[in-house]
Amino acid sequence: MKIILLKDVEKLGKKYEVKEVAAGFARNYLIPQGLAKIADEKTLKWAKIKLEEGIKKAEEELEEIGKLASRIDGLEVETKVKIGDKGQLFEKITAQKVSKTLKEMGYNIDKSQIEMSPIEELGEFPVKIKFDHNLEVEIKVIVAEEK
């Protein structure tokens, strides 16, 4: 039985793909769960349009993310912290703090996109930022003493 997937289904296919499956699997699982529709002439045209829209949207999104990634790549982010008598930091520099600093600089980067271990000393540290579409950039976080 030919079906059109309405959502991504693990080990079967992606949204709006046309697949051939067993009739029982389609009628008893995929269709009742809202995961698929029976493929007829009308739904095939609809799926083709939706698939093209999805591809166009993904291309636009990739272009936008690419522009942001190229602006951020190699950026130096300075964070000032209080230092104790023996040179220890009063606070760790975490992904949340780096995200906040980037937002203050005008870059909307979520802490979940930042890949780093907490920084516990002064210095310069490379930090990776991951974007959708497998794009990745590296910035430099500079931890300096607050005076």
Protein backbone atom coordinates (compact mmCIF):
# COMPACT_ATOMS: atom_id res chain seq x y z
CA MET A 1 0.00 0.00 0.00
CA LYS A 2 1.37 3.44 -0.94
CA ILE A 3 1.32 6.06 1.79
CA ILE A 4 2.57 9.59 2.36
CA LEU A 5 4.30 10.19 5.67
CA LEU A 6 2.95 13.17 7.63
CA LYS A 7 5.80 13.07 10.17
CA ASP A 8 9.30 11.62 10.32
CA VAL A 9 9.02 7.92 11.19
CA GLU A 10 12.13 6.19 12.47
CA LYS A 11 13.38 3.39 10.20
CA LEU A 12 10.72 4.25 7.59
CA GLY A 13 11.23 7.74 6.19
CA LYS A 14 10.99 11.50 6.44
CA LYS A 15 7.99 13.80 6.37
CA TYR A 16 6.14 13.97 3.00
CA GLU A 17 7.99 10.99 1.50
CA VAL A 18 5.96 8.41 -0.43
CA LYS A 19 6.55 4.86 0.83
CA GLU A 20 5.26 1.39 0.07
CA VAL A 21 4.27 -0.46 3.28
CA ALA A 22 2.19 -3.45 4.27
CA ALA A 23 -1.53 -2.66 4.25
CA GLY A 24 -2.00 -3.83 7.86
CA PHE A 25 0.87 -1.64 9.10
CA ALA A 26 -0.64 1.38 7.34
CA ARG A 27 -4.26 0.77 8.45
CA ASN A 28 -3.55 -0.39 12.00
CA TYR A 29 -0.66 1.86 13.00
CA LEU A 30 0.45 4.65 10.67
CA ILE A 31 -2.93 6.13 9.71
CA PRO A 32 -4.60 5.93 13.18
CA GLN A 33 -1.50 7.51 14.79
CA GLY A 34 -1.65 10.41 12.31
CA LEU A 35 1.73 9.45 10.86
CA ALA A 36 0.57 8.83 7.28
CA LYS A 37 -2.15 9.25 4.64
CA ILE A 38 -3.08 6.88 1.85
CA ALA A 39 -1.37 8.07 -1.34
CA ASP A 40 -3.84 8.94 -4.07
CA GLU A 41 -3.54 11.46 -6.91
CA LYS A 42 -4.69 14.43 -4.81
CA THR A 43 -2.48 13.68 -1.78
CA LEU A 44 0.56 12.99 -4.00
CA LYS A 45 0.28 16.50 -5.50
CA TRP A 46 -0.16 17.96 -2.01
CA ALA A 47 2.90 16.07 -0.70
CA LYS A 48 5.04 17.22 -3.63
CA ILE A 49 4.15 20.87 -2.94
CA LYS A 50 4.82 20.48 0.79
CA LEU A 51 8.16 18.76 0.12
CA GLU A 52 9.25 21.58 -2.19
CA GLU A 53 8.20 24.19 0.40
CA GLY A 54 10.19 22.32 3.05
CA ILE A 55 13.29 22.21 0.85
CA LYS A 56 13.01 25.93 0.08
CA LYS A 57 12.55 26.75 3.77
CA ALA A 58 15.58 24.61 4.73
CA GLU A 59 17.73 26.36 2.10
CA GLU A 60 16.70 29.80 3.40
CA GLU A 61 17.36 28.70 6.98
CA LEU A 62 20.79 27.33 6.01
CA GLU A 63 21.69 30.61 4.29
CA GLU A 64 20.63 32.62 7.35
CA ILE A 65 22.54 30.36 9.75
CA GLY A 66 25.58 30.49 7.45
CA LYS A 67 25.61 34.29 7.58
CA LEU A 68 25.40 34.27 11.39
CA ALA A 69 28.11 31.61 11.65
CA SER A 70 30.48 33.57 9.43
CA ARG A 71 29.98 36.72 11.55
CA ILE A 72 30.65 34.83 14.79
CA ASP A 73 33.56 32.64 13.61
CA GLY A 74 36.76 33.76 15.35
CA LEU A 75 34.94 36.28 17.55
CA GLU A 76 36.62 37.20 20.84
CA VAL A 77 34.28 37.35 23.82
CA GLU A 78 35.70 38.98 26.95
CA THR A 79 34.25 38.15 30.34
CA LYS A 80 35.36 39.93 33.49
CA VAL A 81 35.18 38.18 36.86
CA LYS A 82 36.22 38.92 40.41
CA ILE A 83 39.42 37.25 41.56
CA GLY A 84 40.32 36.05 45.05
CA ASP A 85 43.62 36.62 46.90
CA LYS A 86 45.16 33.44 45.49
CA GLY A 87 44.04 34.03 41.89
CA GLN A 88 40.94 31.85 42.03
CA LEU A 89 37.76 32.93 40.25
CA PHE A 90 34.72 33.74 42.36
CA GLU A 91 32.50 32.20 39.68
CA LYS A 92 32.91 29.67 36.88
CA ILE A 93 32.42 30.78 33.30
CA THR A 94 29.69 28.52 31.91
CA ALA A 95 27.84 28.21 28.61
CA GLN A 96 25.02 30.26 30.15
CA LYS A 97 27.34 33.17 30.91
CA VAL A 98 28.92 33.03 27.44
CA SER A 99 25.42 32.94 25.89
CA LYS A 100 24.39 35.98 27.92
CA THR A 101 27.52 37.88 26.86
CA LEU A 102 26.92 36.99 23.19
CA LYS A 103 23.30 38.18 23.47
CA GLU A 104 24.55 41.49 24.90
CA MET A 105 26.82 41.76 21.84
CA GLY A 106 23.80 41.25 19.55
CA TYR A 107 24.16 37.54 18.71
CA ASN A 108 21.19 35.32 19.61
CA ILE A 109 23.01 32.14 20.67
CA ASP A 110 21.35 29.71 23.08
CA LYS A 111 23.41 28.08 25.82
CA SER A 112 22.55 24.64 24.39
CA GLN A 113 24.46 25.56 21.22
CA ILE A 114 27.66 26.28 23.16
CA GLU A 115 29.95 23.31 23.67
CA MET A 116 32.34 23.89 26.58
CA SER A 117 33.44 22.83 30.03
CA PRO A 118 33.15 25.40 32.80
CA ILE A 119 36.20 27.69 32.84
CA GLU A 120 37.81 28.09 36.26
CA GLU A 121 40.88 30.25 35.55
CA LEU A 122 42.05 33.40 33.78
CA GLY A 123 43.13 33.18 30.16
CA GLU A 124 41.94 32.59 26.62
CA PHE A 125 39.90 29.50 25.78
CA PRO A 126 38.53 28.16 22.47
CA VAL A 127 34.80 27.43 22.58
CA LYS A 128 32.73 25.70 19.89
CA ILE A 129 29.27 26.86 18.89
CA LYS A 130 27.07 24.38 17.03
CA PHE A 131 24.28 25.42 14.67
CA ASP A 132 21.61 23.48 12.81
CA HIS A 133 22.60 21.87 9.50
CA ASN A 134 25.87 20.64 11.09
CA LEU A 135 27.51 24.07 11.02
CA GLU A 136 30.09 24.70 13.70
CA VAL A 137 32.28 27.71 14.53
CA GLU A 138 34.90 28.47 17.14
CA ILE A 139 35.11 31.61 19.24
CA LYS A 140 37.67 32.68 21.80
CA VAL A 141 36.50 33.35 25.36
CA ILE A 142 38.85 35.67 27.23
CA VAL A 143 38.51 35.54 31.00
CA ALA A 144 39.95 38.72 32.58
CA GLU A 145 40.07 40.19 36.05
CA GLU A 146 37.37 42.68 37.00
CA LYS A 147 38.90 45.78 38.57
